[in-house]
Amino acid sequence: MKDPDSQPVIGQIVEVIRGRDRERFCVVISIIDHRFVYIADGDSRKYDKAKKKNVQHLRVIDYVSDEVKNSINETGRVTNAKLRFAIQKFLEQYHLLKEGE
């Protein structure tokens, strides 16, 4: 895991630690400035309705989805399915899935 003061990058997985979506994993899809980013998970937070979030309310995880990062860099957007896939892949890799998910 990275240190908590590090800045997220596009395609990076983050955990929300404050707000309605706390304890959920999302993907950074856009960086506004050093303080705010847009996040989405492809499920409850779609790409088109991304959430503007303060970086202090996120736990930055040392995992960047290359598929999401490349898609955003090449086309300027990403599908919700790719976001869901990236989060699923991260959860499987770190054995964070709960029974039945």
PDB file of N, CA and C in Angstrom:
ATOM      1  N   MET A   1       0.828  -1.174   0.000  1.00  0.00           N
ATOM      2  CA  MET A   1       0.000   0.000   0.000  1.00  0.00           C
ATOM      3  C   MET A   1       0.882   1.250   0.000  1.00  0.00           C
ATOM      4  N   LYS A   2       0.366   2.293  -0.612  1.00  0.00           N
ATOM      5  CA  LYS A   2       1.111   3.547  -0.676  1.00  0.00           C
ATOM      6  C   LYS A   2       0.904   4.371   0.579  1.00  0.00           C
ATOM      7  N   ASP A   3       1.717   5.397   0.726  1.00  0.00           N
ATOM      8  CA  ASP A   3       1.523   6.264   1.876  1.00  0.00           C
ATOM      9  C   ASP A   3       0.290   7.145   1.642  1.00  0.00           C
ATOM     10  N   PRO A   4      -0.426   7.504   2.706  1.00  0.00           N
ATOM     11  CA  PRO A   4      -1.722   8.161   2.566  1.00  0.00           C
ATOM     12  C   PRO A   4      -1.667   9.548   1.930  1.00  0.00           C
ATOM     13  N   ASP A   5      -0.505  10.164   1.891  1.00  0.00           N
ATOM     14  CA  ASP A   5      -0.402  11.501   1.310  1.00  0.00           C
ATOM     15  C   ASP A   5      -0.115  11.486  -0.183  1.00  0.00           C
ATOM     16  N   SER A   6      -0.006  10.314  -0.786  1.00  0.00           N
ATOM     17  CA  SER A   6       0.320  10.238  -2.202  1.00  0.00           C
ATOM     18  C   SER A   6      -0.882  10.620  -3.064  1.00  0.00           C
ATOM     19  N   GLN A   7      -0.604  11.141  -4.226  1.00  0.00           N
ATOM     20  CA  GLN A   7      -1.644  11.563  -5.163  1.00  0.00           C
ATOM     21  C   GLN A   7      -2.055  10.378  -6.035  1.00  0.00           C
ATOM     22  N   PRO A   8      -3.354  10.183  -6.229  1.00  0.00           N
ATOM     23  CA  PRO A   8      -3.804   9.104  -7.110  1.00  0.00           C
ATOM     24  C   PRO A   8      -3.554   9.445  -8.576  1.00  0.00           C
ATOM     25  N   VAL A   9      -3.502   8.414  -9.409  1.00  0.00           N
ATOM     26  CA  VAL A   9      -3.349   8.588 -10.850  1.00  0.00           C
ATOM     27  C   VAL A   9      -4.559   7.959 -11.537  1.00  0.00           C
ATOM     28  N   ILE A  10      -4.771   8.306 -12.788  1.00  0.00           N
ATOM     29  CA  ILE A  10      -5.897   7.758 -13.546  1.00  0.00           C
ATOM     30  C   ILE A  10      -5.751   6.243 -13.641  1.00  0.00           C
ATOM     31  N   GLY A  11      -6.844   5.526 -13.373  1.00  0.00           N
ATOM     32  CA  GLY A  11      -6.843   4.082 -13.417  1.00  0.00           C
ATOM     33  C   GLY A  11      -6.514   3.428 -12.091  1.00  0.00           C
ATOM     34  N   GLN A  12      -6.214   4.220 -11.065  1.00  0.00           N
ATOM     35  CA  GLN A  12      -5.835   3.660  -9.776  1.00  0.00           C
ATOM     36  C   GLN A  12      -7.070   3.304  -8.949  1.00  0.00           C
ATOM     37  N   ILE A  13      -6.973   2.199  -8.241  1.00  0.00           N
ATOM     38  CA  ILE A  13      -8.044   1.771  -7.340  1.00  0.00           C
ATOM     39  C   ILE A  13      -7.906   2.543  -6.035  1.00  0.00           C
ATOM     40  N   VAL A  14      -9.032   3.032  -5.527  1.00  0.00           N
ATOM     41  CA  VAL A  14      -9.058   3.727  -4.248  1.00  0.00           C
ATOM     42  C   VAL A  14     -10.204   3.173  -3.404  1.00  0.00           C
ATOM     43  N   GLU A  15     -10.063   3.274  -2.104  1.00  0.00           N
ATOM     44  CA  GLU A  15     -11.149   2.909  -1.201  1.00  0.00           C
ATOM     45  C   GLU A  15     -11.699   4.189  -0.596  1.00  0.00           C
ATOM     46  N   VAL A  16     -13.011   4.347  -0.637  1.00  0.00           N
ATOM     47  CA  VAL A  16     -13.654   5.524  -0.064  1.00  0.00           C
ATOM     48  C   VAL A  16     -13.712   5.332   1.444  1.00  0.00           C
ATOM     49  N   ILE A  17     -13.209   6.312   2.187  1.00  0.00           N
ATOM     50  CA  ILE A  17     -13.203   6.191   3.647  1.00  0.00           C
ATOM     51  C   ILE A  17     -14.149   7.186   4.311  1.00  0.00           C
ATOM     52  N   ARG A  18     -14.715   8.113   3.564  1.00  0.00           N
ATOM     53  CA  ARG A  18     -15.675   9.071   4.104  1.00  0.00           C
ATOM     54  C   ARG A  18     -16.843   9.223   3.135  1.00  0.00           C
ATOM     55  N   GLY A  19     -18.037   9.407   3.689  1.00  0.00           N
ATOM     56  CA  GLY A  19     -19.197   9.681   2.859  1.00  0.00           C
ATOM     57  C   GLY A  19     -20.108   8.478   2.688  1.00  0.00           C
ATOM     58  N   ARG A  20     -21.091   8.653   1.852  1.00  0.00           N
ATOM     59  CA  ARG A  20     -22.117   7.630   1.616  1.00  0.00           C
ATOM     60  C   ARG A  20     -21.535   6.341   1.041  1.00  0.00           C
ATOM     61  N   ASP A  21     -20.505   6.462   0.233  1.00  0.00           N
ATOM     62  CA  ASP A  21     -19.913   5.298  -0.432  1.00  0.00           C
ATOM     63  C   ASP A  21     -18.756   4.683   0.353  1.00  0.00           C
ATOM     64  N   ARG A  22     -18.619   4.984   1.630  1.00  0.00           N
ATOM     65  CA  ARG A  22     -17.457   4.503   2.395  1.00  0.00           C
ATOM     66  C   ARG A  22     -17.389   2.972   2.372  1.00  0.00           C
ATOM     67  N   GLU A  23     -16.157   2.491   2.447  1.00  0.00           N
ATOM     68  CA  GLU A  23     -15.822   1.069   2.399  1.00  0.00           C
ATOM     69  C   GLU A  23     -16.070   0.443   1.032  1.00  0.00           C
ATOM     70  N   ARG A  24     -16.205   1.255  -0.008  1.00  0.00           N
ATOM     71  CA  ARG A  24     -16.362   0.750  -1.374  1.00  0.00           C
ATOM     72  C   ARG A  24     -15.085   1.056  -2.150  1.00  0.00           C
ATOM     73  N   PHE A  25     -14.807   0.205  -3.114  1.00  0.00           N
ATOM     74  CA  PHE A  25     -13.654   0.422  -3.979  1.00  0.00           C
ATOM     75  C   PHE A  25     -14.122   1.063  -5.271  1.00  0.00           C
ATOM     76  N   CYS A  26     -13.375   2.036  -5.756  1.00  0.00           N
ATOM     77  CA  CYS A  26     -13.678   2.739  -6.998  1.00  0.00           C
ATOM     78  C   CYS A  26     -12.390   2.930  -7.782  1.00  0.00           C
ATOM     79  N   VAL A  27     -12.550   3.437  -8.990  1.00  0.00           N
ATOM     80  CA  VAL A  27     -11.405   3.697  -9.856  1.00  0.00           C
ATOM     81  C   VAL A  27     -11.350   5.196 -10.141  1.00  0.00           C
ATOM     82  N   VAL A  28     -10.162   5.775 -10.077  1.00  0.00           N
ATOM     83  CA  VAL A  28      -9.983   7.185 -10.417  1.00  0.00           C
ATOM     84  C   VAL A  28     -10.077   7.310 -11.936  1.00  0.00           C
ATOM     85  N   ILE A  29     -11.034   8.119 -12.406  1.00  0.00           N
ATOM     86  CA  ILE A  29     -11.186   8.268 -13.857  1.00  0.00           C
ATOM     87  C   ILE A  29     -10.772   9.645 -14.361  1.00  0.00           C
ATOM     88  N   SER A  30     -10.600  10.588 -13.440  1.00  0.00           N
ATOM     89  CA  SER A  30     -10.170  11.919 -13.846  1.00  0.00           C
ATOM     90  C   SER A  30      -9.591  12.641 -12.636  1.00  0.00           C
ATOM     91  N   ILE A  31      -8.586  13.464 -12.881  1.00  0.00           N
ATOM     92  CA  ILE A  31      -7.976  14.256 -11.815  1.00  0.00           C
ATOM     93  C   ILE A  31      -8.286  15.718 -12.092  1.00  0.00           C
ATOM     94  N   ILE A  32      -8.931  16.379 -11.137  1.00  0.00           N
ATOM     95  CA  ILE A  32      -9.294  17.787 -11.298  1.00  0.00           C
ATOM     96  C   ILE A  32      -8.116  18.677 -10.924  1.00  0.00           C
ATOM     97  N   ASP A  33      -7.594  18.486  -9.730  1.00  0.00           N
ATOM     98  CA  ASP A  33      -6.407  19.197  -9.264  1.00  0.00           C
ATOM     99  C   ASP A  33      -5.769  18.378  -8.156  1.00  0.00           C
ATOM    100  N   HIS A  34      -4.889  18.997  -7.372  1.00  0.00           N
ATOM    101  CA  HIS A  34      -4.192  18.240  -6.322  1.00  0.00           C
ATOM    102  C   HIS A  34      -5.118  17.804  -5.199  1.00  0.00           C
ATOM    103  N   ARG A  35      -6.343  18.329  -5.166  1.00  0.00           N
ATOM    104  CA  ARG A  35      -7.250  18.045  -4.053  1.00  0.00           C
ATOM    105  C   ARG A  35      -8.471  17.195  -4.421  1.00  0.00           C
ATOM    106  N   PHE A  36      -8.917  17.252  -5.674  1.00  0.00           N
ATOM    107  CA  PHE A  36     -10.142  16.560  -6.072  1.00  0.00           C
ATOM    108  C   PHE A  36      -9.930  15.649  -7.271  1.00  0.00           C
ATOM    109  N   VAL A  37     -10.663  14.522  -7.262  1.00  0.00           N
ATOM    110  CA  VAL A  37     -10.661  13.581  -8.381  1.00  0.00           C
ATOM    111  C   VAL A  37     -12.093  13.151  -8.651  1.00  0.00           C
ATOM    112  N   TYR A  38     -12.320  12.563  -9.819  1.00  0.00           N
ATOM    113  CA  TYR A  38     -13.591  11.916 -10.128  1.00  0.00           C
ATOM    114  C   TYR A  38     -13.380  10.418 -10.025  1.00  0.00           C
ATOM    115  N   ILE A  39     -14.336   9.745  -9.335  1.00  0.00           N
ATOM    116  CA  ILE A  39     -14.254   8.296  -9.188  1.00  0.00           C
ATOM    117  C   ILE A  39     -15.547   7.653  -9.672  1.00  0.00           C
ATOM    118  N   ALA A  40     -15.432   6.403 -10.108  1.00  0.00           N
ATOM    119  CA  ALA A  40     -16.601   5.622 -10.532  1.00  0.00           C
ATOM    120  C   ALA A  40     -16.284   4.155 -10.298  1.00  0.00           C
ATOM    121  N   ASP A  41     -17.351   3.348 -10.166  1.00  0.00           N
ATOM    122  CA  ASP A  41     -17.142   1.910  -9.999  1.00  0.00           C
ATOM    123  C   ASP A  41     -17.839   1.093 -11.080  1.00  0.00           C
ATOM    124  N   GLY A  42     -18.580   1.747 -11.970  1.00  0.00           N
ATOM    125  CA  GLY A  42     -19.241   1.050 -13.062  1.00  0.00           C
ATOM    126  C   GLY A  42     -20.532   0.377 -12.658  1.00  0.00           C
ATOM    127  N   ASP A  43     -20.858   0.408 -11.382  1.00  0.00           N
ATOM    128  CA  ASP A  43     -22.069  -0.245 -10.883  1.00  0.00           C
ATOM    129  C   ASP A  43     -23.017   0.804 -10.320  1.00  0.00           C
ATOM    130  N   SER A  44     -22.823   1.212  -9.083  1.00  0.00           N
ATOM    131  CA  SER A  44     -23.686   2.245  -8.511  1.00  0.00           C
ATOM    132  C   SER A  44     -23.249   3.643  -8.942  1.00  0.00           C
ATOM    133  N   ARG A  45     -21.975   3.798  -9.247  1.00  0.00           N
ATOM    134  CA  ARG A  45     -21.441   5.048  -9.787  1.00  0.00           C
ATOM    135  C   ARG A  45     -20.958   4.783 -11.201  1.00  0.00           C
ATOM    136  N   LYS A  46     -21.759   5.155 -12.168  1.00  0.00           N
ATOM    137  CA  LYS A  46     -21.406   4.943 -13.579  1.00  0.00           C
ATOM    138  C   LYS A  46     -20.387   5.989 -14.028  1.00  0.00           C
ATOM    139  N   TYR A  47     -19.737   5.716 -15.152  1.00  0.00           N
ATOM    140  CA  TYR A  47     -18.746   6.636 -15.699  1.00  0.00           C
ATOM    141  C   TYR A  47     -19.361   8.001 -15.993  1.00  0.00           C
ATOM    142  N   ASP A  48     -20.570   8.016 -16.542  1.00  0.00           N
ATOM    143  CA  ASP A  48     -21.224   9.280 -16.915  1.00  0.00           C
ATOM    144  C   ASP A  48     -21.684  10.089 -15.708  1.00  0.00           C
ATOM    145  N   LYS A  49     -21.831   9.454 -14.569  1.00  0.00           N
ATOM    146  CA  LYS A  49     -22.272  10.128 -13.337  1.00  0.00           C
ATOM    147  C   LYS A  49     -21.210   9.954 -12.254  1.00  0.00           C
ATOM    148  N   ALA A  50     -19.966  10.194 -12.609  1.00  0.00           N
ATOM    149  CA  ALA A  50     -18.855   9.999 -11.676  1.00  0.00           C
ATOM    150  C   ALA A  50     -18.973  10.952 -10.497  1.00  0.00           C
ATOM    151  N   LYS A  51     -18.407  10.544  -9.377  1.00  0.00           N
ATOM    152  CA  LYS A  51     -18.460  11.311  -8.140  1.00  0.00           C
ATOM    153  C   LYS A  51     -17.195  12.132  -7.980  1.00  0.00           C
ATOM    154  N   LYS A  52     -17.371  13.428  -7.731  1.00  0.00           N
ATOM    155  CA  LYS A  52     -16.244  14.291  -7.411  1.00  0.00           C
ATOM    156  C   LYS A  52     -15.914  14.047  -5.947  1.00  0.00           C
ATOM    157  N   LYS A  53     -14.670  13.705  -5.665  1.00  0.00           N
ATOM    158  CA  LYS A  53     -14.305  13.314  -4.309  1.00  0.00           C
ATOM    159  C   LYS A  53     -13.011  13.985  -3.882  1.00  0.00           C
ATOM    160  N   ASN A  54     -12.967  14.420  -2.634  1.00  0.00           N
ATOM    161  CA  ASN A  54     -11.775  14.983  -2.038  1.00  0.00           C
ATOM    162  C   ASN A  54     -10.766  13.853  -1.818  1.00  0.00           C
ATOM    163  N   VAL A  55      -9.529  14.078  -2.176  1.00  0.00           N
ATOM    164  CA  VAL A  55      -8.482  13.054  -2.056  1.00  0.00           C
ATOM    165  C   VAL A  55      -8.291  12.646  -0.592  1.00  0.00           C
ATOM    166  N   GLN A  56      -8.537  13.558   0.344  1.00  0.00           N
ATOM    167  CA  GLN A  56      -8.392  13.236   1.763  1.00  0.00           C
ATOM    168  C   GLN A  56      -9.437  12.225   2.231  1.00  0.00           C
ATOM    169  N   HIS A  57     -10.493  12.038   1.455  1.00  0.00           N
ATOM    170  CA  HIS A  57     -11.549  11.096   1.815  1.00  0.00           C
ATOM    171  C   HIS A  57     -11.363   9.738   1.137  1.00  0.00           C
ATOM    172  N   LEU A  58     -10.189   9.528   0.558  1.00  0.00           N
ATOM    173  CA  LEU A  58      -9.892   8.287  -0.149  1.00  0.00           C
ATOM    174  C   LEU A  58      -8.626   7.658   0.406  1.00  0.00           C
ATOM    175  N   ARG A  59      -8.598   6.338   0.395  1.00  0.00           N
ATOM    176  CA  ARG A  59      -7.362   5.611   0.702  1.00  0.00           C
ATOM    177  C   ARG A  59      -6.827   5.109  -0.624  1.00  0.00           C
ATOM    178  N   VAL A  60      -5.671   5.639  -1.003  1.00  0.00           N
ATOM    179  CA  VAL A  60      -5.062   5.297  -2.282  1.00  0.00           C
ATOM    180  C   VAL A  60      -4.397   3.934  -2.159  1.00  0.00           C
ATOM    181  N   ILE A  61      -4.732   3.038  -3.096  1.00  0.00           N
ATOM    182  CA  ILE A  61      -4.204   1.679  -3.085  1.00  0.00           C
ATOM    183  C   ILE A  61      -3.146   1.557  -4.183  1.00  0.00           C
ATOM    184  N   ASP A  62      -2.122   0.823  -3.900  1.00  0.00           N
ATOM    185  CA  ASP A  62      -1.007   0.669  -4.841  1.00  0.00           C
ATOM    186  C   ASP A  62      -1.359  -0.352  -5.920  1.00  0.00           C
ATOM    187  N   TYR A  63      -2.389  -0.034  -6.712  1.00  0.00           N
ATOM    188  CA  TYR A  63      -2.829  -0.909  -7.793  1.00  0.00           C
ATOM    189  C   TYR A  63      -3.443  -0.033  -8.883  1.00  0.00           C
ATOM    190  N   VAL A  64      -2.859  -0.065 -10.070  1.00  0.00           N
ATOM    191  CA  VAL A  64      -3.367   0.716 -11.194  1.00  0.00           C
ATOM    192  C   VAL A  64      -3.828  -0.248 -12.277  1.00  0.00           C
ATOM    193  N   SER A  65      -5.056  -0.070 -12.734  1.00  0.00           N
ATOM    194  CA  SER A  65      -5.593  -0.901 -13.803  1.00  0.00           C
ATOM    195  C   SER A  65      -5.108  -0.362 -15.144  1.00  0.00           C
ATOM    196  N   ASP A  66      -4.275  -1.144 -15.813  1.00  0.00           N
ATOM    197  CA  ASP A  66      -3.740  -0.711 -17.106  1.00  0.00           C
ATOM    198  C   ASP A  66      -4.836  -0.600 -18.159  1.00  0.00           C
ATOM    199  N   GLU A  67      -5.846  -1.488 -18.102  1.00  0.00           N
ATOM    200  CA  GLU A  67      -6.928  -1.441 -19.091  1.00  0.00           C
ATOM    201  C   GLU A  67      -7.689  -0.119 -19.003  1.00  0.00           C
ATOM    202  N   VAL A  68      -8.010   0.292 -17.783  1.00  0.00           N
ATOM    203  CA  VAL A  68      -8.742   1.546 -17.588  1.00  0.00           C
ATOM    204  C   VAL A  68      -7.867   2.728 -17.987  1.00  0.00           C
ATOM    205  N   LYS A  69      -6.635   2.720 -17.541  1.00  0.00           N
ATOM    206  CA  LYS A  69      -5.706   3.815 -17.834  1.00  0.00           C
ATOM    207  C   LYS A  69      -5.510   3.981 -19.344  1.00  0.00           C
ATOM    208  N   ASN A  70      -5.271   2.872 -20.051  1.00  0.00           N
ATOM    209  CA  ASN A  70      -5.061   2.941 -21.497  1.00  0.00           C
ATOM    210  C   ASN A  70      -6.319   3.387 -22.227  1.00  0.00           C
ATOM    211  N   SER A  71      -7.469   2.897 -21.808  1.00  0.00           N
ATOM    212  CA  SER A  71      -8.727   3.267 -22.446  1.00  0.00           C
ATOM    213  C   SER A  71      -8.996   4.763 -22.310  1.00  0.00           C
ATOM    214  N   ILE A  72      -8.786   5.315 -21.135  1.00  0.00           N
ATOM    215  CA  ILE A  72      -9.014   6.746 -20.917  1.00  0.00           C
ATOM    216  C   ILE A  72      -7.995   7.570 -21.690  1.00  0.00           C
ATOM    217  N   ASN A  73      -6.744   7.139 -21.706  1.00  0.00           N
ATOM    218  CA  ASN A  73      -5.717   7.879 -22.441  1.00  0.00           C
ATOM    219  C   ASN A  73      -5.943   7.844 -23.952  1.00  0.00           C
ATOM    220  N   GLU A  74      -6.435   6.715 -24.477  1.00  0.00           N
ATOM    221  CA  GLU A  74      -6.626   6.586 -25.924  1.00  0.00           C
ATOM    222  C   GLU A  74      -7.921   7.229 -26.413  1.00  0.00           C
ATOM    223  N   THR A  75      -9.032   6.973 -25.709  1.00  0.00           N
ATOM    224  CA  THR A  75     -10.334   7.427 -26.208  1.00  0.00           C
ATOM    225  C   THR A  75     -10.961   8.539 -25.382  1.00  0.00           C
ATOM    226  N   GLY A  76     -10.434   8.785 -24.193  1.00  0.00           N
ATOM    227  CA  GLY A  76     -11.013   9.813 -23.335  1.00  0.00           C
ATOM    228  C   GLY A  76     -12.153   9.311 -22.468  1.00  0.00           C
ATOM    229  N   ARG A  77     -12.482   8.048 -22.568  1.00  0.00           N
ATOM    230  CA  ARG A  77     -13.533   7.467 -21.730  1.00  0.00           C
ATOM    231  C   ARG A  77     -13.270   5.988 -21.515  1.00  0.00           C
ATOM    232  N   VAL A  78     -14.111   5.367 -20.684  1.00  0.00           N
ATOM    233  CA  VAL A  78     -13.981   3.952 -20.380  1.00  0.00           C
ATOM    234  C   VAL A  78     -15.385   3.397 -20.173  1.00  0.00           C
ATOM    235  N   THR A  79     -15.571   2.128 -20.481  1.00  0.00           N
ATOM    236  CA  THR A  79     -16.890   1.526 -20.291  1.00  0.00           C
ATOM    237  C   THR A  79     -17.077   1.147 -18.822  1.00  0.00           C
ATOM    238  N   ASN A  80     -18.330   1.093 -18.411  1.00  0.00           N
ATOM    239  CA  ASN A  80     -18.645   0.691 -17.044  1.00  0.00           C
ATOM    240  C   ASN A  80     -18.230  -0.758 -16.793  1.00  0.00           C
ATOM    241  N   ALA A  81     -18.319  -1.581 -17.825  1.00  0.00           N
ATOM    242  CA  ALA A  81     -17.904  -2.983 -17.698  1.00  0.00           C
ATOM    243  C   ALA A  81     -16.411  -3.082 -17.382  1.00  0.00           C
ATOM    244  N   LYS A  82     -15.596  -2.238 -18.007  1.00  0.00           N
ATOM    245  CA  LYS A  82     -14.153  -2.250 -17.718  1.00  0.00           C
ATOM    246  C   LYS A  82     -13.882  -1.816 -16.285  1.00  0.00           C
ATOM    247  N   LEU A  83     -14.646  -0.857 -15.800  1.00  0.00           N
ATOM    248  CA  LEU A  83     -14.480  -0.425 -14.409  1.00  0.00           C
ATOM    249  C   LEU A  83     -14.818  -1.558 -13.450  1.00  0.00           C
ATOM    250  N   ARG A  84     -15.940  -2.232 -13.703  1.00  0.00           N
ATOM    251  CA  ARG A  84     -16.335  -3.354 -12.851  1.00  0.00           C
ATOM    252  C   ARG A  84     -15.291  -4.469 -12.915  1.00  0.00           C
ATOM    253  N   PHE A  85     -14.792  -4.745 -14.122  1.00  0.00           N
ATOM    254  CA  PHE A  85     -13.781  -5.781 -14.307  1.00  0.00           C
ATOM    255  C   PHE A  85     -12.502  -5.440 -13.548  1.00  0.00           C
ATOM    256  N   ALA A  86     -12.077  -4.186 -13.602  1.00  0.00           N
ATOM    257  CA  ALA A  86     -10.845  -3.771 -12.923  1.00  0.00           C
ATOM    258  C   ALA A  86     -10.966  -3.943 -11.413  1.00  0.00           C
ATOM    259  N   ILE A  87     -12.114  -3.568 -10.863  1.00  0.00           N
ATOM    260  CA  ILE A  87     -12.318  -3.712  -9.419  1.00  0.00           C
ATOM    261  C   ILE A  87     -12.393  -5.186  -9.041  1.00  0.00           C
ATOM    262  N   GLN A  88     -13.092  -5.970  -9.852  1.00  0.00           N
ATOM    263  CA  GLN A  88     -13.211  -7.416  -9.606  1.00  0.00           C
ATOM    264  C   GLN A  88     -11.830  -8.085  -9.630  1.00  0.00           C
ATOM    265  N   LYS A  89     -11.025  -7.719 -10.606  1.00  0.00           N
ATOM    266  CA  LYS A  89      -9.675  -8.278 -10.741  1.00  0.00           C
ATOM    267  C   LYS A  89      -8.816  -7.925  -9.523  1.00  0.00           C
ATOM    268  N   PHE A  90      -8.920  -6.680  -9.075  1.00  0.00           N
ATOM    269  CA  PHE A  90      -8.186  -6.250  -7.884  1.00  0.00           C
ATOM    270  C   PHE A  90      -8.618  -7.043  -6.659  1.00  0.00           C
ATOM    271  N   LEU A  91      -9.929  -7.189  -6.465  1.00  0.00           N
ATOM    272  CA  LEU A  91     -10.451  -7.916  -5.304  1.00  0.00           C
ATOM    273  C   LEU A  91     -10.021  -9.378  -5.322  1.00  0.00           C
ATOM    274  N   GLU A  92     -10.029  -9.995  -6.502  1.00  0.00           N
ATOM    275  CA  GLU A  92      -9.585 -11.388  -6.612  1.00  0.00           C
ATOM    276  C   GLU A  92      -8.093 -11.525  -6.322  1.00  0.00           C
ATOM    277  N   GLN A  93      -7.310 -10.591  -6.834  1.00  0.00           N
ATOM    278  CA  GLN A  93      -5.862 -10.659  -6.658  1.00  0.00           C
ATOM    279  C   GLN A  93      -5.465 -10.532  -5.189  1.00  0.00           C
ATOM    280  N   TYR A  94      -6.177  -9.691  -4.457  1.00  0.00           N
ATOM    281  CA  TYR A  94      -5.847  -9.475  -3.053  1.00  0.00           C
ATOM    282  C   TYR A  94      -6.765 -10.236  -2.103  1.00  0.00           C
ATOM    283  N   HIS A  95      -7.549 -11.160  -2.642  1.00  0.00           N
ATOM    284  CA  HIS A  95      -8.418 -12.037  -1.852  1.00  0.00           C
ATOM    285  C   HIS A  95      -9.332 -11.251  -0.914  1.00  0.00           C
ATOM    286  N   LEU A  96      -9.942 -10.208  -1.442  1.00  0.00           N
ATOM    287  CA  LEU A  96     -10.828  -9.376  -0.631  1.00  0.00           C
ATOM    288  C   LEU A  96     -12.312  -9.654  -0.909  1.00  0.00           C
ATOM    289  N   LEU A  97     -12.591 -10.620  -1.783  1.00  0.00           N
ATOM    290  CA  LEU A  97     -13.981 -10.948  -2.077  1.00  0.00           C
ATOM    291  C   LEU A  97     -14.614 -11.648  -0.883  1.00  0.00           C
ATOM    292  N   LYS A  98     -15.858 -11.294  -0.615  1.00  0.00           N
ATOM    293  CA  LYS A  98     -16.603 -11.977   0.441  1.00  0.00           C
ATOM    294  C   LYS A  98     -17.304 -13.177  -0.164  1.00  0.00           C
ATOM    295  N   GLU A  99     -17.741 -14.079   0.676  1.00  0.00           N
ATOM    296  CA  GLU A  99     -18.423 -15.297   0.208  1.00  0.00           C
ATOM    297  C   GLU A  99     -19.650 -14.937  -0.612  1.00  0.00           C
ATOM    298  N   GLY A 100     -19.754 -15.511  -1.810  1.00  0.00           N
ATOM    299  CA  GLY A 100     -20.913 -15.302  -2.671  1.00  0.00           C
ATOM    300  C   GLY A 100     -20.798 -14.145  -3.632  1.00  0.00           C
ATOM    301  N   GLU A 101     -19.701 -13.410  -3.638  1.00  0.00           N
ATOM    302  CA  GLU A 101     -19.555 -12.278  -4.560  1.00  0.00           C
ATOM    303  C   GLU A 101     -18.823 -12.704  -5.815  1.00  0.00           C
TER     304      GLU A 101
END
